[in-house]
């Protein structure tokens, strides 16, 4: 459910006091644990360190983010790749093909200048 219109959006007062009268470029990262705070137009341009439960993730507020909550831009879960033995084999083949491509490119670069010298 959304917040009542007569109450208005929830904006953390302490967070507003930290940015009041300051310029976005002069201030560094503003750390906050208030993930439920709604981004207001006064916050545009500032960088916030939003806590995700473990670390503070830097979020640069842009105009498109106004109306969203700070927590939406600081994910709390880390995706772990699925797959076991087959996934490892696929990744090894991909890595080996990249290495082979890099070797062939390096060999072709070193072979061309030698041909020009003759």
C-alpha atoms as a PDB file:
ATOM      1  CA  UNK A   1       0.000   0.000   0.000  1.00  0.00           C
ATOM      2  CA  UNK A   2       1.117   3.532  -0.667  1.00  0.00           C
ATOM      3  CA  UNK A   3       1.366   6.275   1.888  1.00  0.00           C
ATOM      4  CA  UNK A   4      -1.644   8.509   2.385  1.00  0.00           C
ATOM      5  CA  UNK A   5      -1.691  11.596   0.150  1.00  0.00           C
ATOM      6  CA  UNK A   6      -2.468  13.892   3.070  1.00  0.00           C
ATOM      7  CA  UNK A   7       0.705  12.720   4.846  1.00  0.00           C
ATOM      8  CA  UNK A   8       2.919  13.164   1.796  1.00  0.00           C
ATOM      9  CA  UNK A   9       5.995  11.148   0.889  1.00  0.00           C
ATOM     10  CA  UNK A  10       8.356   9.960   3.621  1.00  0.00           C
ATOM     11  CA  UNK A  11      11.577  11.943   3.476  1.00  0.00           C
ATOM     12  CA  UNK A  12      14.084  11.508   6.297  1.00  0.00           C
ATOM     13  CA  UNK A  13      14.541  14.877   8.042  1.00  0.00           C
ATOM     14  CA  UNK A  14      18.142  14.098   9.024  1.00  0.00           C
ATOM     15  CA  UNK A  15      18.984  13.367   5.393  1.00  0.00           C
ATOM     16  CA  UNK A  16      17.446  16.641   4.228  1.00  0.00           C
ATOM     17  CA  UNK A  17      19.378  18.568   6.879  1.00  0.00           C
ATOM     18  CA  UNK A  18      22.632  17.055   5.583  1.00  0.00           C
ATOM     19  CA  UNK A  19      22.046  18.362   2.035  1.00  0.00           C
ATOM     20  CA  UNK A  20      20.329  21.650   2.881  1.00  0.00           C
ATOM     21  CA  UNK A  21      22.361  24.610   1.594  1.00  0.00           C
ATOM     22  CA  UNK A  22      25.168  22.467   0.159  1.00  0.00           C
ATOM     23  CA  UNK A  23      26.297  21.986  -3.415  1.00  0.00           C
ATOM     24  CA  UNK A  24      26.301  18.460  -4.890  1.00  0.00           C
ATOM     25  CA  UNK A  25      29.830  18.677  -6.264  1.00  0.00           C
ATOM     26  CA  UNK A  26      31.414  19.903  -3.013  1.00  0.00           C
ATOM     27  CA  UNK A  27      29.929  17.246  -0.731  1.00  0.00           C
ATOM     28  CA  UNK A  28      31.247  13.717  -0.774  1.00  0.00           C
ATOM     29  CA  UNK A  29      29.262  10.565  -0.203  1.00  0.00           C
ATOM     30  CA  UNK A  30      26.459  11.008   2.334  1.00  0.00           C
ATOM     31  CA  UNK A  31      26.038   7.745   4.248  1.00  0.00           C
ATOM     32  CA  UNK A  32      22.519   6.707   5.155  1.00  0.00           C
ATOM     33  CA  UNK A  33      20.684   3.708   6.545  1.00  0.00           C
ATOM     34  CA  UNK A  34      17.304   5.154   5.546  1.00  0.00           C
ATOM     35  CA  UNK A  35      16.391   2.904   2.611  1.00  0.00           C
ATOM     36  CA  UNK A  36      12.692   3.832   2.890  1.00  0.00           C
ATOM     37  CA  UNK A  37      13.365   7.520   2.246  1.00  0.00           C
ATOM     38  CA  UNK A  38      11.702   8.830  -0.923  1.00  0.00           C
ATOM     39  CA  UNK A  39      14.015  10.713  -3.299  1.00  0.00           C
ATOM     40  CA  UNK A  40      12.903  14.340  -3.606  1.00  0.00           C
ATOM     41  CA  UNK A  41      14.015  16.932  -6.213  1.00  0.00           C
ATOM     42  CA  UNK A  42      16.383  18.585  -3.701  1.00  0.00           C
ATOM     43  CA  UNK A  43      18.491  15.389  -3.677  1.00  0.00           C
ATOM     44  CA  UNK A  44      19.296  15.428  -7.404  1.00  0.00           C
ATOM     45  CA  UNK A  45      23.033  15.489  -8.022  1.00  0.00           C
ATOM     46  CA  UNK A  46      24.082  14.251  -4.588  1.00  0.00           C
ATOM     47  CA  UNK A  47      25.797  10.911  -4.001  1.00  0.00           C
ATOM     48  CA  UNK A  48      24.375   8.788  -1.197  1.00  0.00           C
ATOM     49  CA  UNK A  49      25.933   5.737   0.400  1.00  0.00           C
ATOM     50  CA  UNK A  50      22.863   3.541   0.892  1.00  0.00           C
ATOM     51  CA  UNK A  51      23.372   0.656   3.322  1.00  0.00           C
ATOM     52  CA  UNK A  52      22.389  -2.758   1.968  1.00  0.00           C
ATOM     53  CA  UNK A  53      22.849  -4.666   5.214  1.00  0.00           C
ATOM     54  CA  UNK A  54      26.572  -5.209   4.769  1.00  0.00           C
ATOM     55  CA  UNK A  55      28.164  -2.213   3.023  1.00  0.00           C
ATOM     56  CA  UNK A  56      27.212   1.220   1.756  1.00  0.00           C
ATOM     57  CA  UNK A  57      26.579   1.268  -1.998  1.00  0.00           C
ATOM     58  CA  UNK A  58      27.119   4.621  -3.706  1.00  0.00           C
ATOM     59  CA  UNK A  59      24.046   5.943  -5.504  1.00  0.00           C
ATOM     60  CA  UNK A  60      24.243   9.080  -7.653  1.00  0.00           C
ATOM     61  CA  UNK A  61      20.742  10.581  -7.677  1.00  0.00           C
ATOM     62  CA  UNK A  62      19.468  11.670 -11.099  1.00  0.00           C
ATOM     63  CA  UNK A  63      16.220  13.294 -12.208  1.00  0.00           C
ATOM     64  CA  UNK A  64      14.688   9.973 -13.262  1.00  0.00           C
ATOM     65  CA  UNK A  65      14.967   8.662  -9.692  1.00  0.00           C
ATOM     66  CA  UNK A  66      12.695  11.289  -8.108  1.00  0.00           C
ATOM     67  CA  UNK A  67       9.734   9.590  -6.442  1.00  0.00           C
ATOM     68  CA  UNK A  68      11.520   6.266  -5.952  1.00  0.00           C
ATOM     69  CA  UNK A  69      13.026   5.073  -2.685  1.00  0.00           C
ATOM     70  CA  UNK A  70      16.760   4.984  -1.959  1.00  0.00           C
ATOM     71  CA  UNK A  71      16.636   1.270  -1.189  1.00  0.00           C
ATOM     72  CA  UNK A  72      15.575   0.445  -4.749  1.00  0.00           C
ATOM     73  CA  UNK A  73      19.056   1.335  -6.000  1.00  0.00           C
ATOM     74  CA  UNK A  74      20.976  -0.641  -3.370  1.00  0.00           C
ATOM     75  CA  UNK A  75      20.319  -4.381  -3.861  1.00  0.00           C
ATOM     76  CA  UNK A  76      20.494  -6.496  -0.723  1.00  0.00           C
ATOM     77  CA  UNK A  77      21.064  -9.839  -2.404  1.00  0.00           C
ATOM     78  CA  UNK A  78      23.998 -10.997  -4.486  1.00  0.00           C
ATOM     79  CA  UNK A  79      23.300 -13.302  -7.430  1.00  0.00           C
ATOM     80  CA  UNK A  80      25.355 -16.489  -7.431  1.00  0.00           C
ATOM     81  CA  UNK A  81      25.799 -18.198 -10.791  1.00  0.00           C
ATOM     82  CA  UNK A  82      23.789 -21.389 -11.168  1.00  0.00           C
ATOM     83  CA  UNK A  83      25.229 -24.546 -12.600  1.00  0.00           C
ATOM     84  CA  UNK A  84      27.843 -27.019 -11.536  1.00  0.00           C
ATOM     85  CA  UNK A  85      30.188 -29.148 -13.610  1.00  0.00           C
ATOM     86  CA  UNK A  86      28.679 -28.249 -16.993  1.00  0.00           C
ATOM     87  CA  UNK A  87      28.800 -24.518 -16.241  1.00  0.00           C
ATOM     88  CA  UNK A  88      32.502 -24.759 -15.306  1.00  0.00           C
ATOM     89  CA  UNK A  89      33.289 -26.547 -18.576  1.00  0.00           C
ATOM     90  CA  UNK A  90      31.482 -23.900 -20.600  1.00  0.00           C
ATOM     91  CA  UNK A  91      33.318 -21.094 -18.810  1.00  0.00           C
ATOM     92  CA  UNK A  92      36.700 -22.823 -19.302  1.00  0.00           C
ATOM     93  CA  UNK A  93      36.056 -23.251 -23.040  1.00  0.00           C
ATOM     94  CA  UNK A  94      35.060 -19.596 -23.322  1.00  0.00           C
ATOM     95  CA  UNK A  95      38.162 -18.452 -21.435  1.00  0.00           C
ATOM     96  CA  UNK A  96      40.408 -20.697 -23.565  1.00  0.00           C
ATOM     97  CA  UNK A  97      38.909 -19.328 -26.797  1.00  0.00           C
ATOM     98  CA  UNK A  98      39.562 -15.757 -25.590  1.00  0.00           C
ATOM     99  CA  UNK A  99      43.190 -16.652 -24.805  1.00  0.00           C
ATOM    100  CA  UNK A 100      43.632 -18.279 -28.230  1.00  0.00           C
ATOM    101  CA  UNK A 101      42.130 -15.224 -29.954  1.00  0.00           C
ATOM    102  CA  UNK A 102      44.482 -12.917 -28.042  1.00  0.00           C
ATOM    103  CA  UNK A 103      47.506 -15.066 -28.969  1.00  0.00           C
ATOM    104  CA  UNK A 104      46.570 -15.121 -32.654  1.00  0.00           C
ATOM    105  CA  UNK A 105      46.041 -11.345 -32.657  1.00  0.00           C
ATOM    106  CA  UNK A 106      49.411 -10.825 -31.003  1.00  0.00           C
ATOM    107  CA  UNK A 107      51.103 -13.164 -33.478  1.00  0.00           C
ATOM    108  CA  UNK A 108      49.571 -11.359 -36.453  1.00  0.00           C
ATOM    109  CA  UNK A 109      50.681  -7.970 -35.110  1.00  0.00           C
ATOM    110  CA  UNK A 110      54.276  -9.114 -34.610  1.00  0.00           C
ATOM    111  CA  UNK A 111      54.384 -10.823 -38.045  1.00  0.00           C
ATOM    112  CA  UNK A 112      53.214  -7.771 -40.045  1.00  0.00           C
ATOM    113  CA  UNK A 113      56.047  -5.355 -39.083  1.00  0.00           C
ATOM    114  CA  UNK A 114      58.642  -7.984 -39.993  1.00  0.00           C
ATOM    115  CA  UNK A 115      57.135  -8.311 -43.479  1.00  0.00           C
ATOM    116  CA  UNK A 116      57.245  -4.531 -44.032  1.00  0.00           C
ATOM    117  CA  UNK A 117      60.963  -4.273 -43.198  1.00  0.00           C
ATOM    118  CA  UNK A 118      61.990  -6.419 -46.206  1.00  0.00           C
END
